[in-house]
N, C-alpha and C. Protein backbone atom coordinates (compact mmCIF):
# COMPACT_ATOMS: atom_id res chain seq x y z
N UNK A 1 -18.53 -34.77 -135.67
CA UNK A 1 -18.73 -35.67 -136.79
C UNK A 1 -18.37 -37.11 -136.40
N UNK A 2 -17.29 -37.26 -135.64
CA UNK A 2 -16.87 -38.59 -135.22
C UNK A 2 -17.87 -39.25 -134.29
N UNK A 3 -18.51 -38.45 -133.43
CA UNK A 3 -19.50 -39.01 -132.50
C UNK A 3 -20.71 -39.55 -133.25
N UNK A 4 -21.17 -38.82 -134.23
CA UNK A 4 -22.30 -39.28 -135.04
C UNK A 4 -21.92 -40.54 -135.81
N UNK A 5 -20.72 -40.54 -136.36
CA UNK A 5 -20.25 -41.71 -137.10
C UNK A 5 -20.17 -42.93 -136.19
N UNK A 6 -19.64 -42.75 -134.98
CA UNK A 6 -19.54 -43.85 -134.02
C UNK A 6 -20.91 -44.41 -133.68
N UNK A 7 -21.86 -43.53 -133.36
CA UNK A 7 -23.20 -43.98 -133.02
C UNK A 7 -23.88 -44.67 -134.20
N UNK A 8 -23.70 -44.13 -135.39
CA UNK A 8 -24.29 -44.75 -136.58
C UNK A 8 -23.68 -46.11 -136.88
N UNK A 9 -22.37 -46.24 -136.74
CA UNK A 9 -21.71 -47.51 -137.02
C UNK A 9 -22.20 -48.59 -136.06
N UNK A 10 -22.26 -48.26 -134.77
CA UNK A 10 -22.76 -49.23 -133.80
C UNK A 10 -24.21 -49.59 -134.10
N UNK A 11 -25.02 -48.58 -134.41
CA UNK A 11 -26.43 -48.83 -134.71
C UNK A 11 -26.63 -49.66 -135.97
N UNK A 12 -25.88 -49.34 -137.02
CA UNK A 12 -25.99 -50.09 -138.27
C UNK A 12 -25.57 -51.54 -138.07
N UNK A 13 -24.51 -51.74 -137.30
CA UNK A 13 -24.07 -53.10 -137.01
C UNK A 13 -25.18 -53.89 -136.31
N UNK A 14 -25.79 -53.30 -135.28
CA UNK A 14 -26.89 -53.97 -134.59
C UNK A 14 -28.10 -54.17 -135.48
N UNK A 15 -28.41 -53.18 -136.32
CA UNK A 15 -29.55 -53.30 -137.23
C UNK A 15 -29.32 -54.41 -138.25
N UNK A 16 -28.11 -54.48 -138.79
CA UNK A 16 -27.81 -55.53 -139.77
C UNK A 16 -27.96 -56.92 -139.16
N UNK A 17 -27.46 -57.08 -137.95
CA UNK A 17 -27.57 -58.38 -137.29
C UNK A 17 -29.04 -58.73 -137.05
N UNK A 18 -29.81 -57.76 -136.54
CA UNK A 18 -31.22 -58.03 -136.26
C UNK A 18 -32.03 -58.30 -137.52
N UNK A 19 -31.80 -57.52 -138.58
CA UNK A 19 -32.57 -57.70 -139.80
C UNK A 19 -32.22 -59.02 -140.48
N UNK A 20 -30.96 -59.42 -140.40
CA UNK A 20 -30.55 -60.68 -141.04
C UNK A 20 -31.02 -61.91 -140.26
N UNK A 21 -31.27 -61.76 -138.97
CA UNK A 21 -31.68 -62.91 -138.16
C UNK A 21 -33.17 -62.95 -137.86
N UNK A 22 -33.90 -62.00 -138.37
CA UNK A 22 -35.35 -61.98 -138.12
C UNK A 22 -35.97 -60.74 -138.72
N UNK A 23 -37.10 -60.36 -138.21
CA UNK A 23 -37.84 -59.22 -138.75
C UNK A 23 -37.77 -58.04 -137.80
N UNK A 24 -37.34 -56.90 -138.29
CA UNK A 24 -37.34 -55.67 -137.52
C UNK A 24 -36.11 -55.50 -136.64
N UNK A 25 -36.08 -54.37 -135.94
CA UNK A 25 -34.99 -54.05 -135.03
C UNK A 25 -35.35 -54.56 -133.65
N UNK A 26 -34.43 -55.36 -133.08
CA UNK A 26 -34.73 -56.00 -131.81
C UNK A 26 -33.61 -55.76 -130.80
N UNK A 27 -33.25 -56.77 -130.05
CA UNK A 27 -32.35 -56.65 -128.90
C UNK A 27 -30.93 -56.27 -129.28
N UNK A 28 -30.37 -56.89 -130.30
CA UNK A 28 -28.99 -56.58 -130.68
C UNK A 28 -28.90 -55.11 -131.10
N UNK A 29 -29.87 -54.64 -131.86
CA UNK A 29 -29.89 -53.23 -132.24
C UNK A 29 -30.00 -52.34 -131.01
N UNK A 30 -30.87 -52.69 -130.09
CA UNK A 30 -31.07 -51.87 -128.89
C UNK A 30 -29.77 -51.72 -128.11
N UNK A 31 -29.09 -52.83 -127.88
CA UNK A 31 -27.84 -52.80 -127.13
C UNK A 31 -26.78 -51.98 -127.88
N UNK A 32 -26.64 -52.22 -129.17
CA UNK A 32 -25.65 -51.50 -129.96
C UNK A 32 -25.96 -50.01 -130.04
N UNK A 33 -27.23 -49.67 -130.16
CA UNK A 33 -27.62 -48.26 -130.26
C UNK A 33 -27.35 -47.51 -128.96
N UNK A 34 -27.73 -48.10 -127.84
CA UNK A 34 -27.48 -47.45 -126.54
C UNK A 34 -25.98 -47.35 -126.29
N UNK A 35 -25.25 -48.42 -126.58
CA UNK A 35 -23.81 -48.41 -126.39
C UNK A 35 -23.13 -47.37 -127.30
N UNK A 36 -23.54 -47.29 -128.54
CA UNK A 36 -22.97 -46.30 -129.46
C UNK A 36 -23.25 -44.87 -129.02
N UNK A 37 -24.47 -44.62 -128.55
CA UNK A 37 -24.82 -43.28 -128.07
C UNK A 37 -24.03 -42.92 -126.82
N UNK A 38 -23.87 -43.88 -125.92
CA UNK A 38 -23.11 -43.64 -124.70
C UNK A 38 -21.63 -43.41 -125.01
N UNK A 39 -21.07 -44.21 -125.88
CA UNK A 39 -19.66 -44.03 -126.27
C UNK A 39 -19.44 -42.69 -126.97
N UNK A 40 -20.38 -42.29 -127.78
CA UNK A 40 -20.27 -41.00 -128.46
C UNK A 40 -20.23 -39.86 -127.43
N UNK A 41 -21.09 -39.93 -126.42
CA UNK A 41 -21.10 -38.90 -125.38
C UNK A 41 -19.83 -38.94 -124.54
N UNK A 42 -19.28 -40.11 -124.37
CA UNK A 42 -18.08 -40.27 -123.56
C UNK A 42 -16.82 -39.79 -124.28
N UNK A 43 -16.76 -39.97 -125.58
CA UNK A 43 -15.54 -39.71 -126.32
C UNK A 43 -15.50 -38.38 -127.09
N UNK A 44 -16.62 -37.70 -127.18
CA UNK A 44 -16.67 -36.47 -127.96
C UNK A 44 -15.89 -35.35 -127.26
N UNK A 45 -15.44 -34.38 -128.03
CA UNK A 45 -14.76 -33.21 -127.47
C UNK A 45 -15.72 -32.45 -126.56
N UNK A 46 -15.16 -31.79 -125.54
CA UNK A 46 -15.99 -31.07 -124.58
C UNK A 46 -16.90 -30.03 -125.22
N UNK A 47 -16.42 -29.35 -126.23
CA UNK A 47 -17.23 -28.30 -126.85
C UNK A 47 -18.42 -28.85 -127.64
N UNK A 48 -18.41 -30.14 -127.94
CA UNK A 48 -19.50 -30.76 -128.69
C UNK A 48 -20.40 -31.64 -127.83
N UNK A 49 -20.24 -31.58 -126.52
CA UNK A 49 -20.97 -32.49 -125.63
C UNK A 49 -22.49 -32.31 -125.71
N UNK A 50 -22.95 -31.08 -125.92
CA UNK A 50 -24.41 -30.84 -125.99
C UNK A 50 -25.04 -31.56 -127.18
N UNK A 51 -24.30 -31.65 -128.25
CA UNK A 51 -24.84 -32.29 -129.46
C UNK A 51 -25.10 -33.78 -129.25
N UNK A 52 -24.35 -34.41 -128.36
CA UNK A 52 -24.54 -35.85 -128.16
C UNK A 52 -25.85 -36.17 -127.45
N UNK A 53 -26.44 -35.19 -126.79
CA UNK A 53 -27.73 -35.42 -126.13
C UNK A 53 -28.86 -35.34 -127.16
N UNK A 54 -28.69 -34.53 -128.18
CA UNK A 54 -29.71 -34.38 -129.22
C UNK A 54 -29.55 -35.43 -130.31
N UNK A 55 -28.37 -36.01 -130.39
CA UNK A 55 -28.04 -36.94 -131.47
C UNK A 55 -28.84 -38.25 -131.46
N UNK A 56 -29.11 -38.91 -130.33
CA UNK A 56 -29.79 -40.22 -130.39
C UNK A 56 -31.12 -40.24 -131.12
N UNK A 57 -32.04 -39.27 -130.91
CA UNK A 57 -33.29 -39.33 -131.69
C UNK A 57 -33.07 -39.19 -133.19
N UNK A 58 -32.12 -38.35 -133.57
CA UNK A 58 -31.87 -38.15 -135.00
C UNK A 58 -31.24 -39.39 -135.63
N UNK A 59 -30.25 -39.96 -134.95
CA UNK A 59 -29.62 -41.17 -135.49
C UNK A 59 -30.58 -42.35 -135.46
N UNK A 60 -31.47 -42.39 -134.48
CA UNK A 60 -32.46 -43.47 -134.41
C UNK A 60 -33.37 -43.43 -135.64
N UNK A 61 -33.81 -42.23 -136.03
CA UNK A 61 -34.67 -42.12 -137.22
C UNK A 61 -33.93 -42.60 -138.47
N UNK A 62 -32.68 -42.21 -138.61
CA UNK A 62 -31.88 -42.64 -139.75
C UNK A 62 -31.73 -44.17 -139.75
N UNK A 63 -31.40 -44.71 -138.57
CA UNK A 63 -31.20 -46.16 -138.47
C UNK A 63 -32.51 -46.93 -138.68
N UNK A 64 -33.62 -46.39 -138.22
CA UNK A 64 -34.91 -47.05 -138.44
C UNK A 64 -35.25 -47.09 -139.93
N UNK A 65 -34.94 -46.01 -140.63
CA UNK A 65 -35.17 -45.99 -142.08
C UNK A 65 -34.26 -46.97 -142.81
N UNK A 66 -33.00 -47.05 -142.36
CA UNK A 66 -32.07 -48.01 -142.96
C UNK A 66 -32.55 -49.43 -142.70
N UNK A 67 -32.97 -49.69 -141.46
CA UNK A 67 -33.47 -51.02 -141.11
C UNK A 67 -34.70 -51.39 -141.91
N UNK A 68 -35.58 -50.42 -142.12
CA UNK A 68 -36.78 -50.69 -142.92
C UNK A 68 -36.42 -50.90 -144.39
N UNK A 69 -35.40 -50.20 -144.85
CA UNK A 69 -35.00 -50.33 -146.25
C UNK A 69 -34.34 -51.65 -146.57
N UNK A 70 -33.54 -52.18 -145.61
CA UNK A 70 -32.86 -53.44 -145.89
C UNK A 70 -33.65 -54.64 -145.41
N UNK A 71 -34.64 -54.39 -144.57
CA UNK A 71 -35.46 -55.49 -144.08
C UNK A 71 -36.63 -55.76 -145.01
N UNK A 72 -37.36 -56.79 -144.69
CA UNK A 72 -38.54 -57.15 -145.48
C UNK A 72 -39.76 -56.60 -144.78
N UNK A 73 -40.41 -55.65 -145.42
CA UNK A 73 -41.56 -54.98 -144.83
C UNK A 73 -42.84 -55.76 -145.10
N UNK A 74 -43.70 -55.77 -144.09
CA UNK A 74 -45.00 -56.41 -144.24
C UNK A 74 -46.05 -55.40 -144.69
N UNK A 75 -45.65 -54.14 -144.86
CA UNK A 75 -46.57 -53.08 -145.24
C UNK A 75 -46.71 -53.04 -146.75
N UNK A 76 -47.96 -52.95 -147.22
CA UNK A 76 -48.23 -52.88 -148.65
C UNK A 76 -48.27 -51.41 -149.08
N UNK A 77 -48.01 -51.17 -150.33
CA UNK A 77 -48.11 -49.81 -150.85
C UNK A 77 -46.79 -49.36 -151.45
N UNK A 78 -46.73 -48.06 -151.71
CA UNK A 78 -45.53 -47.49 -152.33
C UNK A 78 -44.34 -47.54 -151.37
N UNK A 79 -43.16 -47.35 -151.92
CA UNK A 79 -41.93 -47.37 -151.13
C UNK A 79 -41.98 -46.31 -150.03
N UNK A 80 -42.43 -45.10 -150.37
CA UNK A 80 -42.47 -44.01 -149.40
C UNK A 80 -43.48 -44.28 -148.29
N UNK A 81 -44.59 -44.88 -148.66
CA UNK A 81 -45.59 -45.24 -147.66
C UNK A 81 -45.03 -46.31 -146.72
N UNK A 82 -44.34 -47.29 -147.29
CA UNK A 82 -43.71 -48.33 -146.48
C UNK A 82 -42.70 -47.73 -145.51
N UNK A 83 -41.85 -46.84 -146.02
CA UNK A 83 -40.82 -46.22 -145.18
C UNK A 83 -41.46 -45.40 -144.06
N UNK A 84 -42.48 -44.63 -144.38
CA UNK A 84 -43.15 -43.80 -143.37
C UNK A 84 -43.79 -44.66 -142.29
N UNK A 85 -44.48 -45.71 -142.70
CA UNK A 85 -45.14 -46.58 -141.72
C UNK A 85 -44.13 -47.36 -140.89
N UNK A 86 -43.04 -47.79 -141.51
CA UNK A 86 -42.00 -48.49 -140.76
C UNK A 86 -41.32 -47.55 -139.76
N UNK A 87 -41.11 -46.29 -140.14
CA UNK A 87 -40.51 -45.32 -139.24
C UNK A 87 -41.42 -45.05 -138.05
N UNK A 88 -42.70 -44.84 -138.30
CA UNK A 88 -43.66 -44.61 -137.21
C UNK A 88 -43.71 -45.82 -136.30
N UNK A 89 -43.74 -47.00 -136.89
CA UNK A 89 -43.76 -48.23 -136.10
C UNK A 89 -42.49 -48.36 -135.25
N UNK A 90 -41.34 -48.06 -135.84
CA UNK A 90 -40.08 -48.14 -135.10
C UNK A 90 -40.03 -47.12 -133.98
N UNK A 91 -40.57 -45.93 -134.21
CA UNK A 91 -40.58 -44.91 -133.16
C UNK A 91 -41.50 -45.30 -132.00
N UNK A 92 -42.59 -45.95 -132.32
CA UNK A 92 -43.53 -46.36 -131.27
C UNK A 92 -42.98 -47.55 -130.49
N UNK A 93 -42.58 -48.58 -131.20
CA UNK A 93 -42.12 -49.79 -130.51
C UNK A 93 -40.72 -49.63 -129.93
N UNK A 94 -39.94 -48.72 -130.50
CA UNK A 94 -38.57 -48.54 -130.02
C UNK A 94 -38.40 -47.39 -129.06
N UNK A 95 -39.50 -46.81 -128.58
CA UNK A 95 -39.40 -45.67 -127.67
C UNK A 95 -38.55 -45.96 -126.44
N UNK A 96 -38.67 -47.13 -125.80
CA UNK A 96 -37.81 -47.38 -124.65
C UNK A 96 -36.32 -47.37 -124.99
N UNK A 97 -35.97 -47.88 -126.16
CA UNK A 97 -34.56 -47.88 -126.60
C UNK A 97 -34.12 -46.44 -126.84
N UNK A 98 -34.96 -45.67 -127.46
CA UNK A 98 -34.65 -44.27 -127.73
C UNK A 98 -34.48 -43.50 -126.44
N UNK A 99 -35.36 -43.71 -125.48
CA UNK A 99 -35.25 -43.05 -124.16
C UNK A 99 -33.99 -43.49 -123.43
N UNK A 100 -33.66 -44.77 -123.51
CA UNK A 100 -32.46 -45.27 -122.83
C UNK A 100 -31.20 -44.66 -123.43
N UNK A 101 -31.13 -44.59 -124.75
CA UNK A 101 -29.95 -44.03 -125.41
C UNK A 101 -29.81 -42.54 -125.11
N UNK A 102 -30.93 -41.82 -125.17
CA UNK A 102 -30.89 -40.39 -124.87
C UNK A 102 -30.55 -40.15 -123.40
N UNK A 103 -31.12 -40.97 -122.52
CA UNK A 103 -30.82 -40.85 -121.09
C UNK A 103 -29.37 -41.16 -120.78
N UNK A 104 -28.83 -42.17 -121.40
CA UNK A 104 -27.41 -42.51 -121.18
C UNK A 104 -26.51 -41.38 -121.66
N UNK A 105 -26.81 -40.83 -122.83
CA UNK A 105 -26.02 -39.72 -123.35
C UNK A 105 -26.15 -38.50 -122.45
N UNK A 106 -27.35 -38.25 -121.94
CA UNK A 106 -27.56 -37.10 -121.05
C UNK A 106 -26.79 -37.25 -119.74
N UNK A 107 -26.85 -38.42 -119.14
CA UNK A 107 -26.14 -38.66 -117.88
C UNK A 107 -24.63 -38.51 -118.08
N UNK A 108 -24.11 -39.08 -119.14
CA UNK A 108 -22.68 -38.97 -119.41
C UNK A 108 -22.30 -37.52 -119.70
N UNK A 109 -23.12 -36.82 -120.48
CA UNK A 109 -22.83 -35.42 -120.80
C UNK A 109 -22.84 -34.55 -119.54
N UNK A 110 -23.84 -34.76 -118.67
CA UNK A 110 -23.90 -33.98 -117.44
C UNK A 110 -22.73 -34.28 -116.52
N UNK A 111 -22.37 -35.54 -116.42
CA UNK A 111 -21.23 -35.93 -115.59
C UNK A 111 -19.95 -35.30 -116.11
N UNK A 112 -19.75 -35.36 -117.41
CA UNK A 112 -18.55 -34.74 -117.99
C UNK A 112 -18.55 -33.24 -117.81
N UNK A 113 -19.70 -32.60 -117.96
CA UNK A 113 -19.79 -31.15 -117.79
C UNK A 113 -19.49 -30.75 -116.34
N UNK A 114 -20.02 -31.51 -115.38
CA UNK A 114 -19.75 -31.20 -113.97
C UNK A 114 -18.29 -31.42 -113.63
N UNK A 115 -17.69 -32.46 -114.14
CA UNK A 115 -16.28 -32.73 -113.88
C UNK A 115 -15.39 -31.64 -114.47
N UNK A 116 -15.71 -31.21 -115.68
CA UNK A 116 -14.86 -30.18 -116.30
C UNK A 116 -15.07 -28.82 -115.61
N UNK A 117 -16.24 -28.57 -115.05
CA UNK A 117 -16.48 -27.33 -114.32
C UNK A 117 -15.70 -27.29 -113.01
N UNK A 118 -15.47 -28.44 -112.39
CA UNK A 118 -14.75 -28.53 -111.13
C UNK A 118 -13.24 -28.43 -111.31
N UNK A 119 -12.76 -28.82 -112.48
CA UNK A 119 -11.32 -28.78 -112.73
C UNK A 119 -10.87 -27.37 -113.09
N UNK A 120 -9.72 -26.94 -112.57
CA UNK A 120 -9.25 -25.59 -112.87
C UNK A 120 -8.75 -25.43 -114.27
């Protein structure tokens, strides 16, 4: 639970800064999201390490919806249509950020798993 909270807090902080200074999720969000995902993988209990590899895509979707909700959307239509289109747009344009966060969490998780396997 703490790992998810950590990743979400970092992501929300980056999203708030990006949305307040312009349109959409940009560089500050990307850095905060990758950093939050990496820290979550680094600090989580050993028994929960696998969850940190699956967590970045799920938290990214939540953060993209939050960013679309607090930002000003250029999409016309109902609220649900706006949210769906903003989420699809964020997933497409933010794929490199999503891959980087998932990759960082995976590398840290594998490193921690190998280290704990070597220790008696």
